[in-house]
Amino acid sequence: MYQYTTQGVCSKAIHFDVENNKVKNVSYVAGCNGNLKGISSLVEGMDIDEVIARLEGTTCGAKKTSCPDQLAQALKAYKAANAK
């Protein structure tokens, strides 16, 4: 399980797994429970690059980021840490 500490959003962290380049078991710590469960369910089994492409740059109100954008950032950090 990979853990990413979020920045600039209500959630505090994101946990997830990646298996065969597919996103699995996404869960957020704190934040808007229903919305974050929805995001987690929608990205389950998706290709990591597809999730990044769809979610990166999403904002929340006046914030320059959002929980979906933070998931994209987390996945990018995961890829950088696991580059071969």
PDB file of N, CA and C in Angstrom:
ATOM      1  N   MET A   1       0.854  -1.178   0.000  1.00  0.00           N
ATOM      2  CA  MET A   1       0.000   0.000   0.000  1.00  0.00           C
ATOM      3  C   MET A   1       0.897   1.237   0.000  1.00  0.00           C
ATOM      4  N   TYR A   2       0.632   2.129  -0.924  1.00  0.00           N
ATOM      5  CA  TYR A   2       1.366   3.392  -1.033  1.00  0.00           C
ATOM      6  C   TYR A   2       0.578   4.459  -0.293  1.00  0.00           C
ATOM      7  N   GLN A   3       1.265   5.335   0.436  1.00  0.00           N
ATOM      8  CA  GLN A   3       0.594   6.430   1.133  1.00  0.00           C
ATOM      9  C   GLN A   3       1.155   7.749   0.633  1.00  0.00           C
ATOM     10  N   TYR A   4       0.244   8.682   0.359  1.00  0.00           N
ATOM     11  CA  TYR A   4       0.614  10.014  -0.110  1.00  0.00           C
ATOM     12  C   TYR A   4      -0.023  11.036   0.823  1.00  0.00           C
ATOM     13  N   THR A   5       0.768  11.958   1.336  1.00  0.00           N
ATOM     14  CA  THR A   5       0.247  13.026   2.186  1.00  0.00           C
ATOM     15  C   THR A   5      -0.214  14.169   1.288  1.00  0.00           C
ATOM     16  N   THR A   6      -1.496  14.505   1.386  1.00  0.00           N
ATOM     17  CA  THR A   6      -2.081  15.533   0.519  1.00  0.00           C
ATOM     18  C   THR A   6      -1.690  16.929   0.978  1.00  0.00           C
ATOM     19  N   GLN A   7      -1.865  17.890   0.078  1.00  0.00           N
ATOM     20  CA  GLN A   7      -1.574  19.290   0.366  1.00  0.00           C
ATOM     21  C   GLN A   7      -2.688  20.162  -0.189  1.00  0.00           C
ATOM     22  N   GLY A   8      -3.173  21.103   0.627  1.00  0.00           N
ATOM     23  CA  GLY A   8      -4.128  22.095   0.153  1.00  0.00           C
ATOM     24  C   GLY A   8      -5.566  21.629   0.039  1.00  0.00           C
ATOM     25  N   VAL A   9      -5.897  20.469   0.625  1.00  0.00           N
ATOM     26  CA  VAL A   9      -7.260  19.944   0.561  1.00  0.00           C
ATOM     27  C   VAL A   9      -7.700  19.465   1.944  1.00  0.00           C
ATOM     28  N   CYS A  10      -8.971  19.142   2.066  1.00  0.00           N
ATOM     29  CA  CYS A  10      -9.523  18.689   3.341  1.00  0.00           C
ATOM     30  C   CYS A  10      -9.000  17.315   3.756  1.00  0.00           C
ATOM     31  N   SER A  11      -8.809  16.420   2.794  1.00  0.00           N
ATOM     32  CA  SER A  11      -8.283  15.101   3.141  1.00  0.00           C
ATOM     33  C   SER A  11      -6.818  15.242   3.562  1.00  0.00           C
ATOM     34  N   LYS A  12      -6.385  14.322   4.402  1.00  0.00           N
ATOM     35  CA  LYS A  12      -5.023  14.392   4.950  1.00  0.00           C
ATOM     36  C   LYS A  12      -4.042  13.474   4.224  1.00  0.00           C
ATOM     37  N   ALA A  13      -4.552  12.385   3.666  1.00  0.00           N
ATOM     38  CA  ALA A  13      -3.688  11.421   2.994  1.00  0.00           C
ATOM     39  C   ALA A  13      -4.521  10.560   2.056  1.00  0.00           C
ATOM     40  N   ILE A  14      -3.829   9.900   1.135  1.00  0.00           N
ATOM     41  CA  ILE A  14      -4.457   8.957   0.212  1.00  0.00           C
ATOM     42  C   ILE A  14      -3.650   7.669   0.265  1.00  0.00           C
ATOM     43  N   HIS A  15      -4.343   6.550   0.363  1.00  0.00           N
ATOM     44  CA  HIS A  15      -3.712   5.226   0.321  1.00  0.00           C
ATOM     45  C   HIS A  15      -4.197   4.528  -0.948  1.00  0.00           C
ATOM     46  N   PHE A  16      -3.308   3.788  -1.589  1.00  0.00           N
ATOM     47  CA  PHE A  16      -3.719   3.028  -2.772  1.00  0.00           C
ATOM     48  C   PHE A  16      -2.674   1.969  -3.095  1.00  0.00           C
ATOM     49  N   ASP A  17      -3.075   1.039  -3.941  1.00  0.00           N
ATOM     50  CA  ASP A  17      -2.186   0.032  -4.495  1.00  0.00           C
ATOM     51  C   ASP A  17      -2.179   0.202  -6.001  1.00  0.00           C
ATOM     52  N   VAL A  18      -1.127  -0.289  -6.630  1.00  0.00           N
ATOM     53  CA  VAL A  18      -1.062  -0.358  -8.085  1.00  0.00           C
ATOM     54  C   VAL A  18      -0.644  -1.780  -8.431  1.00  0.00           C
ATOM     55  N   GLU A  19      -1.465  -2.443  -9.241  1.00  0.00           N
ATOM     56  CA  GLU A  19      -1.171  -3.800  -9.690  1.00  0.00           C
ATOM     57  C   GLU A  19      -1.283  -3.839 -11.208  1.00  0.00           C
ATOM     58  N   ASN A  20      -0.207  -4.239 -11.871  1.00  0.00           N
ATOM     59  CA  ASN A  20      -0.182  -4.300 -13.333  1.00  0.00           C
ATOM     60  C   ASN A  20      -0.601  -2.973 -13.963  1.00  0.00           C
ATOM     61  N   ASN A  21      -0.100  -1.891 -13.385  1.00  0.00           N
ATOM     62  CA  ASN A  21      -0.379  -0.524 -13.847  1.00  0.00           C
ATOM     63  C   ASN A  21      -1.841  -0.107 -13.674  1.00  0.00           C
ATOM     64  N   LYS A  22      -2.586  -0.831 -12.854  1.00  0.00           N
ATOM     65  CA  LYS A  22      -3.986  -0.511 -12.560  1.00  0.00           C
ATOM     66  C   LYS A  22      -4.108  -0.019 -11.123  1.00  0.00           C
ATOM     67  N   VAL A  23      -4.927   1.001 -10.914  1.00  0.00           N
ATOM     68  CA  VAL A  23      -5.139   1.589  -9.591  1.00  0.00           C
ATOM     69  C   VAL A  23      -6.119   0.715  -8.812  1.00  0.00           C
ATOM     70  N   LYS A  24      -5.757   0.407  -7.567  1.00  0.00           N
ATOM     71  CA  LYS A  24      -6.579  -0.466  -6.723  1.00  0.00           C
ATOM     72  C   LYS A  24      -6.667   0.094  -5.307  1.00  0.00           C
ATOM     73  N   ASN A  25      -7.766  -0.214  -4.638  1.00  0.00           N
ATOM     74  CA  ASN A  25      -7.918   0.031  -3.199  1.00  0.00           C
ATOM     75  C   ASN A  25      -7.637   1.470  -2.763  1.00  0.00           C
ATOM     76  N   VAL A  26      -8.165   2.441  -3.501  1.00  0.00           N
ATOM     77  CA  VAL A  26      -7.962   3.851  -3.144  1.00  0.00           C
ATOM     78  C   VAL A  26      -8.810   4.191  -1.923  1.00  0.00           C
ATOM     79  N   SER A  27      -8.183   4.827  -0.944  1.00  0.00           N
ATOM     80  CA  SER A  27      -8.927   5.327   0.206  1.00  0.00           C
ATOM     81  C   SER A  27      -8.297   6.633   0.668  1.00  0.00           C
ATOM     82  N   TYR A  28      -9.147   7.533   1.106  1.00  0.00           N
ATOM     83  CA  TYR A  28      -8.708   8.833   1.591  1.00  0.00           C
ATOM     84  C   TYR A  28      -8.844   8.874   3.107  1.00  0.00           C
ATOM     85  N   VAL A  29      -7.982   9.647   3.760  1.00  0.00           N
ATOM     86  CA  VAL A  29      -8.074   9.889   5.194  1.00  0.00           C
ATOM     87  C   VAL A  29      -8.669  11.278   5.362  1.00  0.00           C
ATOM     88  N   ALA A  30      -9.863  11.348   5.937  1.00  0.00           N
ATOM     89  CA  ALA A  30     -10.612  12.595   6.148  1.00  0.00           C
ATOM     90  C   ALA A  30     -11.145  13.118   4.807  1.00  0.00           C
ATOM     91  N   GLY A  31     -11.809  14.249   4.839  1.00  0.00           N
ATOM     92  CA  GLY A  31     -12.383  14.830   3.633  1.00  0.00           C
ATOM     93  C   GLY A  31     -13.872  14.529   3.505  1.00  0.00           C
ATOM     94  N   CYS A  32     -14.429  14.813   2.353  1.00  0.00           N
ATOM     95  CA  CYS A  32     -15.855  14.622   2.079  1.00  0.00           C
ATOM     96  C   CYS A  32     -16.125  13.147   1.778  1.00  0.00           C
ATOM     97  N   ASN A  33     -16.535  12.415   2.768  1.00  0.00           N
ATOM     98  CA  ASN A  33     -16.622  10.964   2.732  1.00  0.00           C
ATOM     99  C   ASN A  33     -17.325  10.413   1.489  1.00  0.00           C
ATOM    100  N   GLY A  34     -18.518  10.860   1.200  1.00  0.00           N
ATOM    101  CA  GLY A  34     -19.264  10.314   0.060  1.00  0.00           C
ATOM    102  C   GLY A  34     -18.581  10.587  -1.265  1.00  0.00           C
ATOM    103  N   ASN A  35     -18.124  11.808  -1.469  1.00  0.00           N
ATOM    104  CA  ASN A  35     -17.452  12.154  -2.722  1.00  0.00           C
ATOM    105  C   ASN A  35     -16.172  11.352  -2.911  1.00  0.00           C
ATOM    106  N   LEU A  36     -15.430  11.176  -1.838  1.00  0.00           N
ATOM    107  CA  LEU A  36     -14.157  10.466  -1.943  1.00  0.00           C
ATOM    108  C   LEU A  36     -14.365   8.976  -2.156  1.00  0.00           C
ATOM    109  N   LYS A  37     -15.424   8.431  -1.572  1.00  0.00           N
ATOM    110  CA  LYS A  37     -15.765   7.031  -1.859  1.00  0.00           C
ATOM    111  C   LYS A  37     -16.148   6.889  -3.331  1.00  0.00           C
ATOM    112  N   GLY A  38     -16.847   7.882  -3.865  1.00  0.00           N
ATOM    113  CA  GLY A  38     -17.229   7.858  -5.276  1.00  0.00           C
ATOM    114  C   GLY A  38     -16.017   7.895  -6.186  1.00  0.00           C
ATOM    115  N   ILE A  39     -15.073   8.780  -5.910  1.00  0.00           N
ATOM    116  CA  ILE A  39     -13.847   8.854  -6.709  1.00  0.00           C
ATOM    117  C   ILE A  39     -13.119   7.512  -6.653  1.00  0.00           C
ATOM    118  N   SER A  40     -12.990   6.990  -5.441  1.00  0.00           N
ATOM    119  CA  SER A  40     -12.291   5.712  -5.259  1.00  0.00           C
ATOM    120  C   SER A  40     -12.939   4.608  -6.082  1.00  0.00           C
ATOM    121  N   SER A  41     -14.248   4.554  -6.071  1.00  0.00           N
ATOM    122  CA  SER A  41     -14.979   3.531  -6.819  1.00  0.00           C
ATOM    123  C   SER A  41     -14.814   3.723  -8.327  1.00  0.00           C
ATOM    124  N   LEU A  42     -14.852   4.955  -8.782  1.00  0.00           N
ATOM    125  CA  LEU A  42     -14.746   5.231 -10.216  1.00  0.00           C
ATOM    126  C   LEU A  42     -13.380   4.884 -10.801  1.00  0.00           C
ATOM    127  N   VAL A  43     -12.320   5.067 -10.018  1.00  0.00           N
ATOM    128  CA  VAL A  43     -10.978   4.819 -10.563  1.00  0.00           C
ATOM    129  C   VAL A  43     -10.505   3.382 -10.329  1.00  0.00           C
ATOM    130  N   GLU A  44     -11.240   2.597  -9.562  1.00  0.00           N
ATOM    131  CA  GLU A  44     -10.848   1.218  -9.264  1.00  0.00           C
ATOM    132  C   GLU A  44     -10.635   0.440 -10.571  1.00  0.00           C
ATOM    133  N   GLY A  45      -9.436  -0.106 -10.729  1.00  0.00           N
ATOM    134  CA  GLY A  45      -9.121  -0.917 -11.899  1.00  0.00           C
ATOM    135  C   GLY A  45      -8.703  -0.141 -13.134  1.00  0.00           C
ATOM    136  N   MET A  46      -8.718   1.199 -13.061  1.00  0.00           N
ATOM    137  CA  MET A  46      -8.316   2.004 -14.217  1.00  0.00           C
ATOM    138  C   MET A  46      -6.797   2.038 -14.349  1.00  0.00           C
ATOM    139  N   ASP A  47      -6.327   2.226 -15.570  1.00  0.00           N
ATOM    140  CA  ASP A  47      -4.912   2.404 -15.827  1.00  0.00           C
ATOM    141  C   ASP A  47      -4.422   3.669 -15.133  1.00  0.00           C
ATOM    142  N   ILE A  48      -3.267   3.594 -14.515  1.00  0.00           N
ATOM    143  CA  ILE A  48      -2.726   4.713 -13.736  1.00  0.00           C
ATOM    144  C   ILE A  48      -2.615   5.989 -14.583  1.00  0.00           C
ATOM    145  N   ASP A  49      -2.185   5.860 -15.840  1.00  0.00           N
ATOM    146  CA  ASP A  49      -2.026   7.041 -16.698  1.00  0.00           C
ATOM    147  C   ASP A  49      -3.373   7.646 -17.080  1.00  0.00           C
ATOM    148  N   GLU A  50      -4.394   6.825 -17.213  1.00  0.00           N
ATOM    149  CA  GLU A  50      -5.739   7.318 -17.524  1.00  0.00           C
ATOM    150  C   GLU A  50      -6.293   8.118 -16.344  1.00  0.00           C
ATOM    151  N   VAL A  51      -6.067   7.625 -15.135  1.00  0.00           N
ATOM    152  CA  VAL A  51      -6.537   8.345 -13.940  1.00  0.00           C
ATOM    153  C   VAL A  51      -5.846   9.696 -13.858  1.00  0.00           C
ATOM    154  N   ILE A  52      -4.534   9.713 -14.071  1.00  0.00           N
ATOM    155  CA  ILE A  52      -3.793  10.979 -14.030  1.00  0.00           C
ATOM    156  C   ILE A  52      -4.340  11.943 -15.076  1.00  0.00           C
ATOM    157  N   ALA A  53      -4.525  11.483 -16.290  1.00  0.00           N
ATOM    158  CA  ALA A  53      -5.010  12.343 -17.380  1.00  0.00           C
ATOM    159  C   ALA A  53      -6.392  12.917 -17.081  1.00  0.00           C
ATOM    160  N   ARG A  54      -7.248  12.116 -16.476  1.00  0.00           N
ATOM    161  CA  ARG A  54      -8.615  12.572 -16.210  1.00  0.00           C
ATOM    162  C   ARG A  54      -8.722  13.511 -15.010  1.00  0.00           C
ATOM    163  N   LEU A  55      -7.894  13.296 -13.984  1.00  0.00           N
ATOM    164  CA  LEU A  55      -8.072  14.031 -12.729  1.00  0.00           C
ATOM    165  C   LEU A  55      -7.112  15.198 -12.520  1.00  0.00           C
ATOM    166  N   GLU A  56      -5.945  15.154 -13.138  1.00  0.00           N
ATOM    167  CA  GLU A  56      -4.960  16.207 -12.903  1.00  0.00           C
ATOM    168  C   GLU A  56      -5.510  17.563 -13.331  1.00  0.00           C
ATOM    169  N   GLY A  57      -5.320  18.555 -12.469  1.00  0.00           N
ATOM    170  CA  GLY A  57      -5.760  19.915 -12.773  1.00  0.00           C
ATOM    171  C   GLY A  57      -7.150  20.260 -12.280  1.00  0.00           C
ATOM    172  N   THR A  58      -7.871  19.285 -11.738  1.00  0.00           N
ATOM    173  CA  THR A  58      -9.200  19.545 -11.183  1.00  0.00           C
ATOM    174  C   THR A  58      -9.045  20.438  -9.949  1.00  0.00           C
ATOM    175  N   THR A  59      -9.840  21.497  -9.880  1.00  0.00           N
ATOM    176  CA  THR A  59      -9.774  22.410  -8.737  1.00  0.00           C
ATOM    177  C   THR A  59     -11.016  22.271  -7.869  1.00  0.00           C
ATOM    178  N   CYS A  60     -10.949  22.824  -6.670  1.00  0.00           N
ATOM    179  CA  CYS A  60     -12.074  22.817  -5.731  1.00  0.00           C
ATOM    180  C   CYS A  60     -12.297  24.246  -5.254  1.00  0.00           C
ATOM    181  N   GLY A  61     -13.362  24.864  -5.724  1.00  0.00           N
ATOM    182  CA  GLY A  61     -13.625  26.254  -5.351  1.00  0.00           C
ATOM    183  C   GLY A  61     -12.461  27.137  -5.771  1.00  0.00           C
ATOM    184  N   ALA A  62     -11.988  27.972  -4.842  1.00  0.00           N
ATOM    185  CA  ALA A  62     -10.876  28.879  -5.127  1.00  0.00           C
ATOM    186  C   ALA A  62      -9.516  28.203  -4.972  1.00  0.00           C
ATOM    187  N   LYS A  63      -9.507  26.964  -4.509  1.00  0.00           N
ATOM    188  CA  LYS A  63      -8.239  26.237  -4.332  1.00  0.00           C
ATOM    189  C   LYS A  63      -7.648  25.868  -5.688  1.00  0.00           C
ATOM    190  N   LYS A  64      -6.328  25.793  -5.762  1.00  0.00           N
ATOM    191  CA  LYS A  64      -5.651  25.431  -7.002  1.00  0.00           C
ATOM    192  C   LYS A  64      -5.548  23.924  -7.176  1.00  0.00           C
ATOM    193  N   THR A  65      -6.079  23.169  -6.222  1.00  0.00           N
ATOM    194  CA  THR A  65      -6.039  21.718  -6.270  1.00  0.00           C
ATOM    195  C   THR A  65      -7.368  21.182  -5.742  1.00  0.00           C
ATOM    196  N   SER A  66      -7.480  19.879  -5.671  1.00  0.00           N
ATOM    197  CA  SER A  66      -8.688  19.218  -5.166  1.00  0.00           C
ATOM    198  C   SER A  66      -8.293  17.802  -4.759  1.00  0.00           C
ATOM    199  N   CYS A  67      -9.208  17.094  -4.152  1.00  0.00           N
ATOM    200  CA  CYS A  67      -8.915  15.697  -3.808  1.00  0.00           C
ATOM    201  C   CYS A  67      -8.674  14.847  -5.056  1.00  0.00           C
ATOM    202  N   PRO A  68      -9.436  15.030  -6.152  1.00  0.00           N
ATOM    203  CA  PRO A  68      -9.101  14.286  -7.364  1.00  0.00           C
ATOM    204  C   PRO A  68      -7.712  14.655  -7.914  1.00  0.00           C
ATOM    205  N   ASP A  69      -7.386  15.946  -7.929  1.00  0.00           N
ATOM    206  CA  ASP A  69      -6.074  16.382  -8.390  1.00  0.00           C
ATOM    207  C   ASP A  69      -4.981  15.807  -7.495  1.00  0.00           C
ATOM    208  N   GLN A  70      -5.224  15.751  -6.199  1.00  0.00           N
ATOM    209  CA  GLN A  70      -4.230  15.185  -5.288  1.00  0.00           C
ATOM    210  C   GLN A  70      -4.012  13.696  -5.560  1.00  0.00           C
ATOM    211  N   LEU A  71      -5.052  12.986  -5.971  1.00  0.00           N
ATOM    212  CA  LEU A  71      -4.873  11.591  -6.350  1.00  0.00           C
ATOM    213  C   LEU A  71      -3.973  11.506  -7.585  1.00  0.00           C
ATOM    214  N   ALA A  72      -4.180  12.389  -8.546  1.00  0.00           N
ATOM    215  CA  ALA A  72      -3.311  12.415  -9.727  1.00  0.00           C
ATOM    216  C   ALA A  72      -1.866  12.694  -9.317  1.00  0.00           C
ATOM    217  N   GLN A  73      -1.667  13.634  -8.403  1.00  0.00           N
ATOM    218  CA  GLN A  73      -0.317  13.947  -7.923  1.00  0.00           C
ATOM    219  C   GLN A  73       0.294  12.749  -7.191  1.00  0.00           C
ATOM    220  N   ALA A  74      -0.532  12.052  -6.416  1.00  0.00           N
ATOM    221  CA  ALA A  74      -0.065  10.861  -5.694  1.00  0.00           C
ATOM    222  C   ALA A  74       0.382   9.785  -6.669  1.00  0.00           C
ATOM    223  N   LEU A  75      -0.388   9.589  -7.728  1.00  0.00           N
ATOM    224  CA  LEU A  75      -0.048   8.574  -8.720  1.00  0.00           C
ATOM    225  C   LEU A  75       1.223   8.951  -9.481  1.00  0.00           C
ATOM    226  N   LYS A  76       1.392  10.232  -9.763  1.00  0.00           N
ATOM    227  CA  LYS A  76       2.615  10.689 -10.411  1.00  0.00           C
ATOM    228  C   LYS A  76       3.819  10.463  -9.496  1.00  0.00           C
ATOM    229  N   ALA A  77       3.658  10.732  -8.204  1.00  0.00           N
ATOM    230  CA  ALA A  77       4.740  10.494  -7.236  1.00  0.00           C
ATOM    231  C   ALA A  77       5.058   9.006  -7.156  1.00  0.00           C
ATOM    232  N   TYR A  78       4.030   8.175  -7.175  1.00  0.00           N
ATOM    233  CA  TYR A  78       4.221   6.728  -7.162  1.00  0.00           C
ATOM    234  C   TYR A  78       5.037   6.299  -8.385  1.00  0.00           C
ATOM    235  N   LYS A  79       4.655   6.787  -9.555  1.00  0.00           N
ATOM    236  CA  LYS A  79       5.352   6.419 -10.788  1.00  0.00           C
ATOM    237  C   LYS A  79       6.822   6.861 -10.728  1.00  0.00           C
ATOM    238  N   ALA A  80       7.076   8.066 -10.234  1.00  0.00           N
ATOM    239  CA  ALA A  80       8.441   8.564 -10.137  1.00  0.00           C
ATOM    240  C   ALA A  80       9.278   7.710  -9.165  1.00  0.00           C
ATOM    241  N   ALA A  81       8.662   7.303  -8.070  1.00  0.00           N
ATOM    242  CA  ALA A  81       9.362   6.496  -7.067  1.00  0.00           C
ATOM    243  C   ALA A  81       9.610   5.072  -7.541  1.00  0.00           C
ATOM    244  N   ASN A  82       8.816   4.613  -8.505  1.00  0.00           N
ATOM    245  CA  ASN A  82       8.905   3.239  -8.974  1.00  0.00           C
ATOM    246  C   ASN A  82       9.369   3.128 -10.422  1.00  0.00           C
ATOM    247  N   ALA A  83       9.961   4.202 -10.940  1.00  0.00           N
ATOM    248  CA  ALA A  83      10.445   4.198 -12.328  1.00  0.00           C
ATOM    249  C   ALA A  83      11.574   3.180 -12.465  1.00  0.00           C
ATOM    250  N   LYS A  84      11.549   2.468 -13.576  1.00  0.00           N
ATOM    251  CA  LYS A  84      12.585   1.444 -13.810  1.00  0.00           C
ATOM    252  C   LYS A  84      13.474   1.838 -14.940  1.00  0.00           C
TER     253      LYS A  84
END
